[in-house]
Amino acid sequence: MSSATAAPASTNRPARPVPPSRRRIRWGTIASVVILSIGAIGMLAPFIYMAVTALKTAQHAYDLPPDWYPKEFHWKNFSDAINARYR
């Protein structure tokens, strides 16, 4: 048996993971997270506005500029919509 063919014991160990404090900042990853977050907010905004508008009175639903937070919540709008009889 030749000792030249056997690999040294140190090469069989797995590489140590890099500690979080020493990791390199990937600006592409940061930029894509920022862009996707802005896009997610843009996609959610109409649904949020729809829910807020459902809690307003009919007169305040068409205010310009739009008010994102109603002065009074009108929960009766939901009961009227559920209990309405369609012709």
C-alpha atoms as a PDB file:
ATOM      1  CA  MET A   1       0.000   0.000   0.000  1.00  0.00           C
ATOM      2  CA  SER A   2       1.318   3.329  -0.987  1.00  0.00           C
ATOM      3  CA  SER A   3       0.832   6.386   1.167  1.00  0.00           C
ATOM      4  CA  ALA A   4       0.967   8.648  -1.899  1.00  0.00           C
ATOM      5  CA  THR A   5      -2.480   7.511  -3.104  1.00  0.00           C
ATOM      6  CA  ALA A   6      -4.259   8.205   0.164  1.00  0.00           C
ATOM      7  CA  ALA A   7      -5.758  11.693   0.497  1.00  0.00           C
ATOM      8  CA  PRO A   8      -4.803  13.741   3.524  1.00  0.00           C
ATOM      9  CA  ALA A   9      -7.388  13.809   6.330  1.00  0.00           C
ATOM     10  CA  SER A  10      -7.734  17.589   6.156  1.00  0.00           C
ATOM     11  CA  THR A  11      -9.309  17.528   2.652  1.00  0.00           C
ATOM     12  CA  ASN A  12     -12.174  15.276   3.768  1.00  0.00           C
ATOM     13  CA  ARG A  13     -13.652  17.934   6.070  1.00  0.00           C
ATOM     14  CA  PRO A  14     -16.501  20.061   4.715  1.00  0.00           C
ATOM     15  CA  ALA A  15     -15.786  23.755   4.233  1.00  0.00           C
ATOM     16  CA  ARG A  16     -16.782  25.993   7.123  1.00  0.00           C
ATOM     17  CA  PRO A  17     -19.709  28.340   6.411  1.00  0.00           C
ATOM     18  CA  VAL A  18     -18.882  32.016   6.309  1.00  0.00           C
ATOM     19  CA  PRO A  19     -20.196  33.833   9.408  1.00  0.00           C
ATOM     20  CA  PRO A  20     -22.945  36.393   8.688  1.00  0.00           C
ATOM     21  CA  SER A  21     -20.736  39.293   9.719  1.00  0.00           C
ATOM     22  CA  ARG A  22     -18.191  38.401   7.019  1.00  0.00           C
ATOM     23  CA  ARG A  23     -20.605  37.828   4.144  1.00  0.00           C
ATOM     24  CA  ARG A  24     -20.304  40.101   1.160  1.00  0.00           C
ATOM     25  CA  ILE A  25     -23.163  42.507   0.494  1.00  0.00           C
ATOM     26  CA  ARG A  26     -24.853  41.699  -2.786  1.00  0.00           C
ATOM     27  CA  TRP A  27     -26.230  44.949  -4.141  1.00  0.00           C
ATOM     28  CA  GLY A  28     -28.207  43.167  -6.845  1.00  0.00           C
ATOM     29  CA  THR A  29     -30.130  41.228  -4.195  1.00  0.00           C
ATOM     30  CA  ILE A  30     -30.826  44.382  -2.203  1.00  0.00           C
ATOM     31  CA  ALA A  31     -31.985  46.238  -5.316  1.00  0.00           C
ATOM     32  CA  SER A  32     -34.304  43.423  -6.359  1.00  0.00           C
ATOM     33  CA  VAL A  33     -35.839  43.203  -2.864  1.00  0.00           C
ATOM     34  CA  VAL A  34     -36.482  46.963  -2.876  1.00  0.00           C
ATOM     35  CA  ILE A  35     -38.006  46.898  -6.376  1.00  0.00           C
ATOM     36  CA  LEU A  36     -40.200  43.877  -5.566  1.00  0.00           C
ATOM     37  CA  SER A  37     -41.344  45.494  -2.296  1.00  0.00           C
ATOM     38  CA  ILE A  38     -42.384  48.659  -4.133  1.00  0.00           C
ATOM     39  CA  GLY A  39     -44.215  46.513  -6.681  1.00  0.00           C
ATOM     40  CA  ALA A  40     -45.989  44.561  -3.921  1.00  0.00           C
ATOM     41  CA  ILE A  41     -47.186  47.786  -2.315  1.00  0.00           C
ATOM     42  CA  GLY A  42     -48.395  48.974  -5.717  1.00  0.00           C
ATOM     43  CA  MET A  43     -50.340  45.754  -6.215  1.00  0.00           C
ATOM     44  CA  LEU A  44     -51.927  45.874  -2.749  1.00  0.00           C
ATOM     45  CA  ALA A  45     -52.883  49.579  -2.840  1.00  0.00           C
ATOM     46  CA  PRO A  46     -56.101  49.139  -4.905  1.00  0.00           C
ATOM     47  CA  PHE A  47     -57.375  46.414  -2.571  1.00  0.00           C
ATOM     48  CA  ILE A  48     -56.655  48.530   0.492  1.00  0.00           C
ATOM     49  CA  TYR A  49     -58.362  51.524  -1.114  1.00  0.00           C
ATOM     50  CA  MET A  50     -61.372  49.343  -2.004  1.00  0.00           C
ATOM     51  CA  ALA A  51     -61.711  48.188   1.613  1.00  0.00           C
ATOM     52  CA  VAL A  52     -61.358  51.742   2.938  1.00  0.00           C
ATOM     53  CA  THR A  53     -63.897  53.083   0.436  1.00  0.00           C
ATOM     54  CA  ALA A  54     -66.387  50.407   1.496  1.00  0.00           C
ATOM     55  CA  LEU A  55     -66.323  51.906   4.977  1.00  0.00           C
ATOM     56  CA  LYS A  56     -67.151  55.454   3.782  1.00  0.00           C
ATOM     57  CA  THR A  57     -70.498  57.056   3.101  1.00  0.00           C
ATOM     58  CA  ALA A  58     -71.600  57.382  -0.520  1.00  0.00           C
ATOM     59  CA  GLN A  59     -70.940  61.122  -0.450  1.00  0.00           C
ATOM     60  CA  HIS A  60     -67.348  60.712   0.775  1.00  0.00           C
ATOM     61  CA  ALA A  61     -66.472  57.808  -1.534  1.00  0.00           C
ATOM     62  CA  TYR A  62     -65.858  60.184  -4.465  1.00  0.00           C
ATOM     63  CA  ASP A  63     -63.935  62.911  -2.641  1.00  0.00           C
ATOM     64  CA  LEU A  64     -60.981  64.426  -4.471  1.00  0.00           C
ATOM     65  CA  PRO A  65     -58.253  64.130  -3.380  1.00  0.00           C
ATOM     66  CA  PRO A  66     -59.125  60.699  -1.979  1.00  0.00           C
ATOM     67  CA  ASP A  67     -58.995  60.227   1.755  1.00  0.00           C
ATOM     68  CA  TRP A  68     -57.222  56.976   2.678  1.00  0.00           C
ATOM     69  CA  TYR A  69     -58.551  56.979   6.238  1.00  0.00           C
ATOM     70  CA  PRO A  70     -62.283  57.683   6.708  1.00  0.00           C
ATOM     71  CA  LYS A  71     -63.359  60.074   9.421  1.00  0.00           C
ATOM     72  CA  GLU A  72     -66.172  57.700  10.399  1.00  0.00           C
ATOM     73  CA  PHE A  73     -66.478  53.977   9.765  1.00  0.00           C
ATOM     74  CA  HIS A  74     -69.853  52.954   8.323  1.00  0.00           C
ATOM     75  CA  TRP A  75     -70.131  49.222   8.899  1.00  0.00           C
ATOM     76  CA  LYS A  76     -73.786  49.397   7.851  1.00  0.00           C
ATOM     77  CA  ASN A  77     -72.621  49.386   4.209  1.00  0.00           C
ATOM     78  CA  PHE A  78     -71.710  45.718   4.552  1.00  0.00           C
ATOM     79  CA  SER A  79     -75.008  44.689   6.128  1.00  0.00           C
ATOM     80  CA  ASP A  80     -76.896  46.653   3.442  1.00  0.00           C
ATOM     81  CA  ALA A  81     -74.959  44.845   0.695  1.00  0.00           C
ATOM     82  CA  ILE A  82     -75.558  41.415   2.224  1.00  0.00           C
ATOM     83  CA  ASN A  83     -79.240  41.983   2.961  1.00  0.00           C
ATOM     84  CA  ALA A  84     -80.080  43.718  -0.341  1.00  0.00           C
ATOM     85  CA  ARG A  85     -82.675  42.057  -2.516  1.00  0.00           C
ATOM     86  CA  TYR A  86     -81.796  41.952  -6.177  1.00  0.00           C
ATOM     87  CA  ARG A  87     -84.546  42.356  -8.749  1.00  0.00           C
END
